[in-house]
């Protein structure tokens, strides 16, 4: 049994699960990859996918299993030549026994990025403080309701048993491709394919890794300036971000900080149940922001980053 991991990005961000299955099937046929077929009147390739994603959610860890005589390296070379942009394979592995991601995956990790300027009446620092407090309440409590269903048929679902870990921090500024990884997620059975395949797409860079706080960010960039640059700009050890803000208009001192903080991003990382008992990340973040008492209109960038089998 061959299991391969692929990304769902770009134009496929808004493609529903059924159409994504068709796209992967067409890519396998174009690549002339030998696969096992069903035995019905209209034979089709037997594919076993990880739990589906809601439309608008990106992923760098989608998985698909199939019966194929090809080795992992040969499969990756053939598939990526034929696969469309947004469905490129990242790695593959051959198992001596049947595997089915749909039934094996029990949890999924998500990164949800919120723009600091999208909170009505609150700065990014205030929003992060409120979100952190709400996370503490949720993890310490025994009940947490999440709205589900259509707009005309809203229902409240008890979601606390489906939440396994949450954290919120500043996302790296001015660098959307910085590596971030979830920490302190108490999950066993990491359902992954170990080391990335050489030459696979660089989308792996969006995997979660703990990053520096915003204060450290300014300090690090200031420390990297040469002595000459510091003298030219008239900097001293206390001017952590004067050089970074020099490119912006300077009507007053408070506007410098406001402009920078509006560009901050807050990354919420959560490990949620997947599979039959699942919690959608978009519903989760809506409920979290309501619990925090925040009105947000900046749009959320949601990425599934890891899958877990236990």
C-alpha atoms as a PDB file:
ATOM      1  CA  UNK A   1       0.000   0.000   0.000  1.00  0.00           C
ATOM      2  CA  UNK A   2       1.391   3.403  -0.978  1.00  0.00           C
ATOM      3  CA  UNK A   3       0.559   6.452   1.150  1.00  0.00           C
ATOM      4  CA  UNK A   4       1.433   9.916  -0.132  1.00  0.00           C
ATOM      5  CA  UNK A   5       1.083  13.321   1.476  1.00  0.00           C
ATOM      6  CA  UNK A   6       0.121  16.321  -0.646  1.00  0.00           C
ATOM      7  CA  UNK A   7      -0.737  19.975  -0.281  1.00  0.00           C
ATOM      8  CA  UNK A   8      -4.104  21.595  -0.963  1.00  0.00           C
ATOM      9  CA  UNK A   9      -3.276  25.212  -1.709  1.00  0.00           C
ATOM     10  CA  UNK A  10      -3.689  27.949  -4.287  1.00  0.00           C
ATOM     11  CA  UNK A  11      -6.702  27.510  -6.568  1.00  0.00           C
ATOM     12  CA  UNK A  12      -7.675  24.279  -4.809  1.00  0.00           C
ATOM     13  CA  UNK A  13      -8.295  26.178  -1.587  1.00  0.00           C
ATOM     14  CA  UNK A  14     -11.870  26.730  -2.778  1.00  0.00           C
ATOM     15  CA  UNK A  15     -12.437  23.365  -4.427  1.00  0.00           C
ATOM     16  CA  UNK A  16     -14.807  21.014  -2.538  1.00  0.00           C
ATOM     17  CA  UNK A  17     -13.659  17.569  -1.450  1.00  0.00           C
ATOM     18  CA  UNK A  18     -15.512  15.646  -4.184  1.00  0.00           C
ATOM     19  CA  UNK A  19     -13.962  17.724  -6.964  1.00  0.00           C
ATOM     20  CA  UNK A  20     -10.526  17.409  -5.348  1.00  0.00           C
ATOM     21  CA  UNK A  21     -10.871  13.609  -5.522  1.00  0.00           C
ATOM     22  CA  UNK A  22     -11.588  13.892  -9.231  1.00  0.00           C
ATOM     23  CA  UNK A  23      -8.528  16.128  -9.700  1.00  0.00           C
ATOM     24  CA  UNK A  24      -6.228  13.613  -7.956  1.00  0.00           C
ATOM     25  CA  UNK A  25      -7.717  10.765 -10.021  1.00  0.00           C
ATOM     26  CA  UNK A  26      -7.061  12.674 -13.259  1.00  0.00           C
ATOM     27  CA  UNK A  27      -3.479  13.423 -12.168  1.00  0.00           C
ATOM     28  CA  UNK A  28      -2.852   9.712 -11.496  1.00  0.00           C
ATOM     29  CA  UNK A  29      -4.201   8.808 -14.929  1.00  0.00           C
ATOM     30  CA  UNK A  30      -2.173  11.503 -16.688  1.00  0.00           C
ATOM     31  CA  UNK A  31       0.934  10.267 -14.896  1.00  0.00           C
ATOM     32  CA  UNK A  32       0.184   6.689 -16.056  1.00  0.00           C
ATOM     33  CA  UNK A  33       0.535   5.410 -12.514  1.00  0.00           C
ATOM     34  CA  UNK A  34      -0.621   1.824 -12.102  1.00  0.00           C
ATOM     35  CA  UNK A  35      -3.370   1.599  -9.474  1.00  0.00           C
ATOM     36  CA  UNK A  36      -5.920  -0.901  -8.201  1.00  0.00           C
ATOM     37  CA  UNK A  37      -9.441  -0.386  -9.576  1.00  0.00           C
ATOM     38  CA  UNK A  38     -12.868  -1.304  -8.269  1.00  0.00           C
ATOM     39  CA  UNK A  39     -14.606  -4.284  -9.862  1.00  0.00           C
ATOM     40  CA  UNK A  40     -17.986  -2.661 -10.543  1.00  0.00           C
ATOM     41  CA  UNK A  41     -19.708  -1.785 -13.828  1.00  0.00           C
ATOM     42  CA  UNK A  42     -17.847   1.580 -13.926  1.00  0.00           C
ATOM     43  CA  UNK A  43     -14.377   0.815 -12.498  1.00  0.00           C
ATOM     44  CA  UNK A  44     -12.624   3.631 -10.658  1.00  0.00           C
ATOM     45  CA  UNK A  45      -9.298   3.972  -8.861  1.00  0.00           C
ATOM     46  CA  UNK A  46      -9.483   2.885  -5.229  1.00  0.00           C
ATOM     47  CA  UNK A  47      -8.315   5.880  -3.197  1.00  0.00           C
ATOM     48  CA  UNK A  48      -8.440   6.414   0.576  1.00  0.00           C
ATOM     49  CA  UNK A  49      -8.182  10.047   1.704  1.00  0.00           C
ATOM     50  CA  UNK A  50      -7.689  11.800   5.031  1.00  0.00           C
ATOM     51  CA  UNK A  51     -10.772  13.560   6.489  1.00  0.00           C
ATOM     52  CA  UNK A  52     -12.112  16.293   4.172  1.00  0.00           C
ATOM     53  CA  UNK A  53     -11.411  19.990   4.634  1.00  0.00           C
ATOM     54  CA  UNK A  54     -13.994  22.784   4.625  1.00  0.00           C
ATOM     55  CA  UNK A  55     -13.835  25.051   1.589  1.00  0.00           C
ATOM     56  CA  UNK A  56     -11.338  27.864   2.165  1.00  0.00           C
ATOM     57  CA  UNK A  57      -9.056  25.865   4.469  1.00  0.00           C
ATOM     58  CA  UNK A  58      -5.501  25.281   3.250  1.00  0.00           C
ATOM     59  CA  UNK A  59      -3.499  22.149   4.037  1.00  0.00           C
ATOM     60  CA  UNK A  60       0.100  20.970   3.844  1.00  0.00           C
ATOM     61  CA  UNK A  61      -0.586  17.481   5.148  1.00  0.00           C
ATOM     62  CA  UNK A  62      -3.441  15.913   3.152  1.00  0.00           C
ATOM     63  CA  UNK A  63      -2.979  12.172   2.666  1.00  0.00           C
ATOM     64  CA  UNK A  64      -4.106   9.566   0.180  1.00  0.00           C
ATOM     65  CA  UNK A  65      -3.505   5.801   0.098  1.00  0.00           C
ATOM     66  CA  UNK A  66      -3.714   3.529  -2.936  1.00  0.00           C
ATOM     67  CA  UNK A  67      -2.551   0.155  -4.199  1.00  0.00           C
ATOM     68  CA  UNK A  68       0.340   0.652  -6.609  1.00  0.00           C
ATOM     69  CA  UNK A  69       3.449  -1.325  -7.597  1.00  0.00           C
ATOM     70  CA  UNK A  70       5.563   1.862  -7.878  1.00  0.00           C
ATOM     71  CA  UNK A  71       8.163   2.795  -5.294  1.00  0.00           C
ATOM     72  CA  UNK A  72       7.901   6.053  -3.358  1.00  0.00           C
ATOM     73  CA  UNK A  73      10.500   7.971  -5.397  1.00  0.00           C
ATOM     74  CA  UNK A  74       9.135   6.834  -8.757  1.00  0.00           C
ATOM     75  CA  UNK A  75       5.595   7.674  -7.691  1.00  0.00           C
ATOM     76  CA  UNK A  76       6.554  11.200  -6.591  1.00  0.00           C
ATOM     77  CA  UNK A  77       8.406  11.909  -9.833  1.00  0.00           C
ATOM     78  CA  UNK A  78       5.520  10.734 -11.998  1.00  0.00           C
ATOM     79  CA  UNK A  79       2.733  12.268  -9.955  1.00  0.00           C
ATOM     80  CA  UNK A  80       4.281  15.738  -9.581  1.00  0.00           C
ATOM     81  CA  UNK A  81       4.893  15.951 -13.337  1.00  0.00           C
ATOM     82  CA  UNK A  82       1.156  15.540 -13.944  1.00  0.00           C
ATOM     83  CA  UNK A  83      -0.388  17.076 -10.813  1.00  0.00           C
ATOM     84  CA  UNK A  84      -1.890  20.579 -11.038  1.00  0.00           C
ATOM     85  CA  UNK A  85      -0.536  23.505  -9.050  1.00  0.00           C
ATOM     86  CA  UNK A  86      -1.972  23.295  -5.559  1.00  0.00           C
ATOM     87  CA  UNK A  87      -2.088  19.480  -5.379  1.00  0.00           C
ATOM     88  CA  UNK A  88       1.627  18.663  -5.483  1.00  0.00           C
ATOM     89  CA  UNK A  89       2.843  15.636  -3.498  1.00  0.00           C
ATOM     90  CA  UNK A  90       5.266  16.334  -0.653  1.00  0.00           C
ATOM     91  CA  UNK A  91       6.392  12.824   0.291  1.00  0.00           C
ATOM     92  CA  UNK A  92       5.402   9.188  -0.079  1.00  0.00           C
ATOM     93  CA  UNK A  93       5.949   5.892   1.698  1.00  0.00           C
ATOM     94  CA  UNK A  94       5.201   2.249   0.908  1.00  0.00           C
ATOM     95  CA  UNK A  95       3.609   0.144   3.655  1.00  0.00           C
ATOM     96  CA  UNK A  96       3.571  -3.688   3.708  1.00  0.00           C
ATOM     97  CA  UNK A  97       0.015  -3.615   5.086  1.00  0.00           C
ATOM     98  CA  UNK A  98      -3.235  -1.747   4.269  1.00  0.00           C
ATOM     99  CA  UNK A  99      -3.536   1.842   5.516  1.00  0.00           C
ATOM    100  CA  UNK A 100      -6.575   4.089   5.449  1.00  0.00           C
ATOM    101  CA  UNK A 101      -6.136   7.725   6.545  1.00  0.00           C
ATOM    102  CA  UNK A 102      -9.898   8.227   6.735  1.00  0.00           C
ATOM    103  CA  UNK A 103     -10.201   5.839   9.670  1.00  0.00           C
ATOM    104  CA  UNK A 104      -6.689   6.240  11.138  1.00  0.00           C
ATOM    105  CA  UNK A 105      -6.719  10.020  11.612  1.00  0.00           C
ATOM    106  CA  UNK A 106      -8.297  11.075  14.918  1.00  0.00           C
ATOM    107  CA  UNK A 107      -6.908  14.606  15.398  1.00  0.00           C
ATOM    108  CA  UNK A 108      -5.636  17.441  13.241  1.00  0.00           C
ATOM    109  CA  UNK A 109      -3.505  20.498  14.044  1.00  0.00           C
ATOM    110  CA  UNK A 110      -4.423  23.877  12.577  1.00  0.00           C
ATOM    111  CA  UNK A 111      -2.793  27.288  12.382  1.00  0.00           C
ATOM    112  CA  UNK A 112      -5.300  30.150  12.237  1.00  0.00           C
ATOM    113  CA  UNK A 113      -3.764  33.536  11.419  1.00  0.00           C
ATOM    114  CA  UNK A 114      -5.672  36.705  12.337  1.00  0.00           C
ATOM    115  CA  UNK A 115      -4.665  40.203  11.244  1.00  0.00           C
ATOM    116  CA  UNK A 116      -3.988  42.583  14.112  1.00  0.00           C
ATOM    117  CA  UNK A 117      -5.758  45.462  12.363  1.00  0.00           C
ATOM    118  CA  UNK A 118      -8.996  43.486  11.974  1.00  0.00           C
ATOM    119  CA  UNK A 119     -10.220  43.796  15.576  1.00  0.00           C
ATOM    120  CA  UNK A 120     -12.819  46.508  16.007  1.00  0.00           C
ATOM    121  CA  UNK A 121     -11.932  48.791  18.915  1.00  0.00           C
ATOM    122  CA  UNK A 122      -8.946  46.726  20.075  1.00  0.00           C
ATOM    123  CA  UNK A 123      -5.249  46.752  19.313  1.00  0.00           C
ATOM    124  CA  UNK A 124      -3.387  43.553  18.441  1.00  0.00           C
ATOM    125  CA  UNK A 125      -1.913  43.411  21.963  1.00  0.00           C
ATOM    126  CA  UNK A 126      -5.338  43.776  23.575  1.00  0.00           C
ATOM    127  CA  UNK A 127      -6.797  41.150  21.233  1.00  0.00           C
ATOM    128  CA  UNK A 128      -4.007  38.684  22.004  1.00  0.00           C
ATOM    129  CA  UNK A 129      -4.501  39.235  25.742  1.00  0.00           C
ATOM    130  CA  UNK A 130      -8.247  38.582  25.458  1.00  0.00           C
ATOM    131  CA  UNK A 131      -7.731  35.500  23.268  1.00  0.00           C
ATOM    132  CA  UNK A 132      -5.171  34.102  25.711  1.00  0.00           C
ATOM    133  CA  UNK A 133      -7.585  34.604  28.620  1.00  0.00           C
ATOM    134  CA  UNK A 134     -10.388  32.912  26.668  1.00  0.00           C
ATOM    135  CA  UNK A 135      -8.129  29.951  25.876  1.00  0.00           C
ATOM    136  CA  UNK A 136      -7.355  29.544  29.574  1.00  0.00           C
ATOM    137  CA  UNK A 137     -11.077  29.526  30.396  1.00  0.00           C
ATOM    138  CA  UNK A 138     -11.842  26.966  27.690  1.00  0.00           C
ATOM    139  CA  UNK A 139      -9.045  24.573  28.625  1.00  0.00           C
ATOM    140  CA  UNK A 140      -9.874  24.834  32.332  1.00  0.00           C
ATOM    141  CA  UNK A 141     -13.611  24.417  31.797  1.00  0.00           C
ATOM    142  CA  UNK A 142     -15.752  21.420  30.932  1.00  0.00           C
ATOM    143  CA  UNK A 143     -18.102  23.019  28.411  1.00  0.00           C
ATOM    144  CA  UNK A 144     -17.627  25.077  25.260  1.00  0.00           C
ATOM    145  CA  UNK A 145     -20.392  25.641  22.729  1.00  0.00           C
ATOM    146  CA  UNK A 146     -19.739  26.085  19.010  1.00  0.00           C
ATOM    147  CA  UNK A 147     -22.395  27.148  16.517  1.00  0.00           C
ATOM    148  CA  UNK A 148     -22.891  24.744  13.612  1.00  0.00           C
ATOM    149  CA  UNK A 149     -25.331  24.380  10.748  1.00  0.00           C
ATOM    150  CA  UNK A 150     -26.574  26.780   8.098  1.00  0.00           C
ATOM    151  CA  UNK A 151     -27.311  30.438   8.667  1.00  0.00           C
ATOM    152  CA  UNK A 152     -31.049  29.693   8.776  1.00  0.00           C
ATOM    153  CA  UNK A 153     -30.652  26.631  11.014  1.00  0.00           C
ATOM    154  CA  UNK A 154     -28.066  27.394  13.708  1.00  0.00           C
ATOM    155  CA  UNK A 155     -27.370  24.793  16.385  1.00  0.00           C
ATOM    156  CA  UNK A 156     -24.956  24.788  19.320  1.00  0.00           C
ATOM    157  CA  UNK A 157     -22.576  21.838  19.550  1.00  0.00           C
ATOM    158  CA  UNK A 158     -20.717  20.824  22.706  1.00  0.00           C
ATOM    159  CA  UNK A 159     -17.114  21.068  21.515  1.00  0.00           C
ATOM    160  CA  UNK A 160     -14.969  20.916  24.660  1.00  0.00           C
ATOM    161  CA  UNK A 161     -14.202  17.147  24.300  1.00  0.00           C
ATOM    162  CA  UNK A 162     -13.082  17.836  20.713  1.00  0.00           C
ATOM    163  CA  UNK A 163     -10.419  20.414  21.700  1.00  0.00           C
ATOM    164  CA  UNK A 164      -7.068  18.906  22.722  1.00  0.00           C
ATOM    165  CA  UNK A 165      -4.650  21.861  22.737  1.00  0.00           C
ATOM    166  CA  UNK A 166      -4.705  25.595  21.980  1.00  0.00           C
ATOM    167  CA  UNK A 167      -2.150  28.369  22.063  1.00  0.00           C
ATOM    168  CA  UNK A 168      -1.987  31.925  20.719  1.00  0.00           C
ATOM    169  CA  UNK A 169       1.053  34.033  19.914  1.00  0.00           C
ATOM    170  CA  UNK A 170       2.194  36.753  17.585  1.00  0.00           C
ATOM    171  CA  UNK A 171       2.868  35.400  14.131  1.00  0.00           C
ATOM    172  CA  UNK A 172       6.243  36.437  12.640  1.00  0.00           C
ATOM    173  CA  UNK A 173       5.883  39.927  11.172  1.00  0.00           C
ATOM    174  CA  UNK A 174       6.752  40.830   7.593  1.00  0.00           C
ATOM    175  CA  UNK A 175       7.431  37.119   6.885  1.00  0.00           C
ATOM    176  CA  UNK A 176       4.429  34.993   5.952  1.00  0.00           C
ATOM    177  CA  UNK A 177       6.693  32.011   5.156  1.00  0.00           C
ATOM    178  CA  UNK A 178       8.375  31.800   8.574  1.00  0.00           C
ATOM    179  CA  UNK A 179       8.363  28.355  10.148  1.00  0.00           C
ATOM    180  CA  UNK A 180       6.070  27.845  13.128  1.00  0.00           C
ATOM    181  CA  UNK A 181       5.252  24.575  14.903  1.00  0.00           C
ATOM    182  CA  UNK A 182       2.677  23.777  17.543  1.00  0.00           C
ATOM    183  CA  UNK A 183       4.173  23.055  20.951  1.00  0.00           C
ATOM    184  CA  UNK A 184       2.655  21.422  24.021  1.00  0.00           C
ATOM    185  CA  UNK A 185       0.070  19.482  21.967  1.00  0.00           C
ATOM    186  CA  UNK A 186      -0.562  16.338  23.949  1.00  0.00           C
ATOM    187  CA  UNK A 187      -1.125  14.050  20.974  1.00  0.00           C
ATOM    188  CA  UNK A 188       0.139  10.533  20.443  1.00  0.00           C
ATOM    189  CA  UNK A 189       0.585   8.618  17.206  1.00  0.00           C
ATOM    190  CA  UNK A 190       1.756  11.412  14.917  1.00  0.00           C
ATOM    191  CA  UNK A 191       0.315  10.266  11.577  1.00  0.00           C
ATOM    192  CA  UNK A 192       3.023  11.538   9.257  1.00  0.00           C
ATOM    193  CA  UNK A 193       5.579  10.244   6.790  1.00  0.00           C
ATOM    194  CA  UNK A 194       8.727  11.165   8.752  1.00  0.00           C
ATOM    195  CA  UNK A 195      11.354  12.987   6.696  1.00  0.00           C
ATOM    196  CA  UNK A 196      10.360  15.193   3.733  1.00  0.00           C
ATOM    197  CA  UNK A 197      11.254  13.962   0.279  1.00  0.00           C
ATOM    198  CA  UNK A 198      14.172  15.715  -1.395  1.00  0.00           C
ATOM    199  CA  UNK A 199      12.982  18.078  -4.060  1.00  0.00           C
ATOM    200  CA  UNK A 200       9.403  18.252  -2.790  1.00  0.00           C
ATOM    201  CA  UNK A 201       7.636  21.646  -2.905  1.00  0.00           C
ATOM    202  CA  UNK A 202       8.721  24.234  -0.380  1.00  0.00           C
ATOM    203  CA  UNK A 203       5.249  24.586   1.138  1.00  0.00           C
ATOM    204  CA  UNK A 204       6.718  22.624   4.055  1.00  0.00           C
ATOM    205  CA  UNK A 205       7.991  26.022   5.251  1.00  0.00           C
ATOM    206  CA  UNK A 206       4.511  26.818   6.524  1.00  0.00           C
ATOM    207  CA  UNK A 207       4.674  24.027   9.107  1.00  0.00           C
ATOM    208  CA  UNK A 208       4.222  25.193  12.694  1.00  0.00           C
ATOM    209  CA  UNK A 209       7.322  26.155  14.783  1.00  0.00           C
ATOM    210  CA  UNK A 210       7.438  28.400  17.880  1.00  0.00           C
ATOM    211  CA  UNK A 211       8.552  31.941  17.025  1.00  0.00           C
ATOM    212  CA  UNK A 212       9.926  34.973  18.828  1.00  0.00           C
ATOM    213  CA  UNK A 213       7.671  37.505  20.489  1.00  0.00           C
ATOM    214  CA  UNK A 214       7.101  40.857  18.829  1.00  0.00           C
ATOM    215  CA  UNK A 215       9.436  42.626  21.252  1.00  0.00           C
ATOM    216  CA  UNK A 216      12.233  40.187  20.481  1.00  0.00           C
ATOM    217  CA  UNK A 217      11.586  40.678  16.778  1.00  0.00           C
ATOM    218  CA  UNK A 218      12.422  44.363  16.922  1.00  0.00           C
ATOM    219  CA  UNK A 219      15.438  43.724  19.186  1.00  0.00           C
ATOM    220  CA  UNK A 220      16.852  41.086  16.850  1.00  0.00           C
ATOM    221  CA  UNK A 221      16.533  43.278  13.774  1.00  0.00           C
ATOM    222  CA  UNK A 222      18.060  46.223  15.568  1.00  0.00           C
ATOM    223  CA  UNK A 223      20.967  44.086  16.776  1.00  0.00           C
ATOM    224  CA  UNK A 224      21.695  42.961  13.219  1.00  0.00           C
ATOM    225  CA  UNK A 225      22.440  46.527  12.093  1.00  0.00           C
ATOM    226  CA  UNK A 226      26.106  47.301  11.633  1.00  0.00           C
ATOM    227  CA  UNK A 227      27.813  49.965  13.754  1.00  0.00           C
ATOM    228  CA  UNK A 228      27.997  52.237  10.736  1.00  0.00           C
ATOM    229  CA  UNK A 229      24.257  51.947  10.091  1.00  0.00           C
ATOM    230  CA  UNK A 230      23.549  52.720  13.731  1.00  0.00           C
ATOM    231  CA  UNK A 231      25.768  55.812  13.600  1.00  0.00           C
ATOM    232  CA  UNK A 232      24.211  56.997  10.341  1.00  0.00           C
ATOM    233  CA  UNK A 233      20.719  56.623  11.743  1.00  0.00           C
ATOM    234  CA  UNK A 234      21.648  57.998  15.155  1.00  0.00           C
ATOM    235  CA  UNK A 235      20.499  54.848  16.917  1.00  0.00           C
ATOM    236  CA  UNK A 236      21.288  53.841  20.458  1.00  0.00           C
ATOM    237  CA  UNK A 237      20.667  50.648  22.417  1.00  0.00           C
ATOM    238  CA  UNK A 238      17.168  51.727  23.432  1.00  0.00           C
ATOM    239  CA  UNK A 239      15.858  52.433  19.896  1.00  0.00           C
ATOM    240  CA  UNK A 240      14.510  48.989  19.063  1.00  0.00           C
ATOM    241  CA  UNK A 241      12.301  49.915  16.146  1.00  0.00           C
ATOM    242  CA  UNK A 242      13.082  53.490  15.106  1.00  0.00           C
ATOM    243  CA  UNK A 243      14.869  52.313  11.960  1.00  0.00           C
ATOM    244  CA  UNK A 244      12.019  49.993  10.995  1.00  0.00           C
ATOM    245  CA  UNK A 245       9.461  52.784  11.356  1.00  0.00           C
ATOM    246  CA  UNK A 246      11.546  55.388   9.514  1.00  0.00           C
ATOM    247  CA  UNK A 247      10.039  54.374   6.172  1.00  0.00           C
ATOM    248  CA  UNK A 248       6.534  55.371   7.327  1.00  0.00           C
ATOM    249  CA  UNK A 249       5.019  58.871   7.546  1.00  0.00           C
ATOM    250  CA  UNK A 250       5.614  60.592  10.882  1.00  0.00           C
ATOM    251  CA  UNK A 251       2.612  62.734  11.833  1.00  0.00           C
ATOM    252  CA  UNK A 252       3.152  61.920  15.530  1.00  0.00           C
ATOM    253  CA  UNK A 253       4.793  59.331  17.758  1.00  0.00           C
ATOM    254  CA  UNK A 254       1.668  57.302  18.483  1.00  0.00           C
ATOM    255  CA  UNK A 255       0.849  56.814  14.796  1.00  0.00           C
ATOM    256  CA  UNK A 256       4.180  55.018  14.224  1.00  0.00           C
ATOM    257  CA  UNK A 257       3.279  52.322  16.700  1.00  0.00           C
ATOM    258  CA  UNK A 258      -0.333  52.097  15.500  1.00  0.00           C
ATOM    259  CA  UNK A 259       0.775  51.547  11.922  1.00  0.00           C
ATOM    260  CA  UNK A 260       3.153  48.757  12.926  1.00  0.00           C
ATOM    261  CA  UNK A 261       0.709  47.009  15.239  1.00  0.00           C
ATOM    262  CA  UNK A 262      -1.972  47.058  12.541  1.00  0.00           C
ATOM    263  CA  UNK A 263       0.340  44.840  10.495  1.00  0.00           C
ATOM    264  CA  UNK A 264       0.838  42.337  13.297  1.00  0.00           C
ATOM    265  CA  UNK A 265      -0.662  38.909  12.953  1.00  0.00           C
ATOM    266  CA  UNK A 266      -1.902  36.644  15.723  1.00  0.00           C
ATOM    267  CA  UNK A 267      -1.475  32.911  15.182  1.00  0.00           C
ATOM    268  CA  UNK A 268      -3.863  30.605  17.036  1.00  0.00           C
ATOM    269  CA  UNK A 269      -2.765  26.965  16.966  1.00  0.00           C
ATOM    270  CA  UNK A 270      -5.219  24.273  17.906  1.00  0.00           C
ATOM    271  CA  UNK A 271      -5.360  20.483  17.878  1.00  0.00           C
ATOM    272  CA  UNK A 272      -8.947  19.462  17.189  1.00  0.00           C
ATOM    273  CA  UNK A 273     -10.714  16.149  16.708  1.00  0.00           C
ATOM    274  CA  UNK A 274     -10.999  14.965  13.104  1.00  0.00           C
ATOM    275  CA  UNK A 275     -12.736  12.017  11.490  1.00  0.00           C
ATOM    276  CA  UNK A 276     -16.277  11.045  12.502  1.00  0.00           C
ATOM    277  CA  UNK A 277     -16.222  13.186  15.652  1.00  0.00           C
ATOM    278  CA  UNK A 278     -14.749  16.410  14.324  1.00  0.00           C
ATOM    279  CA  UNK A 279     -14.641  20.139  14.932  1.00  0.00           C
ATOM    280  CA  UNK A 280     -14.159  22.525  12.022  1.00  0.00           C
ATOM    281  CA  UNK A 281     -11.402  25.068  12.557  1.00  0.00           C
ATOM    282  CA  UNK A 282     -13.464  27.926  11.100  1.00  0.00           C
ATOM    283  CA  UNK A 283     -16.331  27.259  13.532  1.00  0.00           C
ATOM    284  CA  UNK A 284     -13.854  26.933  16.371  1.00  0.00           C
ATOM    285  CA  UNK A 285     -12.176  30.304  15.783  1.00  0.00           C
ATOM    286  CA  UNK A 286     -15.544  32.049  15.500  1.00  0.00           C
ATOM    287  CA  UNK A 287     -16.568  30.628  18.888  1.00  0.00           C
ATOM    288  CA  UNK A 288     -13.186  31.473  20.440  1.00  0.00           C
ATOM    289  CA  UNK A 289     -13.437  35.117  19.370  1.00  0.00           C
ATOM    290  CA  UNK A 290     -16.983  35.317  20.740  1.00  0.00           C
ATOM    291  CA  UNK A 291     -15.764  33.920  24.067  1.00  0.00           C
ATOM    292  CA  UNK A 292     -12.986  36.555  24.041  1.00  0.00           C
ATOM    293  CA  UNK A 293     -15.541  39.318  23.381  1.00  0.00           C
ATOM    294  CA  UNK A 294     -13.864  40.406  20.146  1.00  0.00           C
ATOM    295  CA  UNK A 295     -15.447  41.645  16.923  1.00  0.00           C
ATOM    296  CA  UNK A 296     -13.203  40.624  14.040  1.00  0.00           C
ATOM    297  CA  UNK A 297     -13.525  41.475  10.347  1.00  0.00           C
ATOM    298  CA  UNK A 298     -10.019  40.873   9.017  1.00  0.00           C
ATOM    299  CA  UNK A 299     -10.431  37.421   7.508  1.00  0.00           C
ATOM    300  CA  UNK A 300      -8.794  34.282   8.897  1.00  0.00           C
ATOM    301  CA  UNK A 301      -6.102  32.268   7.113  1.00  0.00           C
ATOM    302  CA  UNK A 302      -6.590  28.650   8.197  1.00  0.00           C
ATOM    303  CA  UNK A 303      -4.034  25.926   7.463  1.00  0.00           C
ATOM    304  CA  UNK A 304      -4.154  22.269   8.481  1.00  0.00           C
ATOM    305  CA  UNK A 305      -0.576  21.429   9.416  1.00  0.00           C
ATOM    306  CA  UNK A 306      -0.477  17.951  10.979  1.00  0.00           C
ATOM    307  CA  UNK A 307      -2.533  14.784  11.352  1.00  0.00           C
ATOM    308  CA  UNK A 308      -2.555  12.483  14.370  1.00  0.00           C
ATOM    309  CA  UNK A 309      -3.776   8.903  14.764  1.00  0.00           C
ATOM    310  CA  UNK A 310      -4.317   8.951  18.518  1.00  0.00           C
END
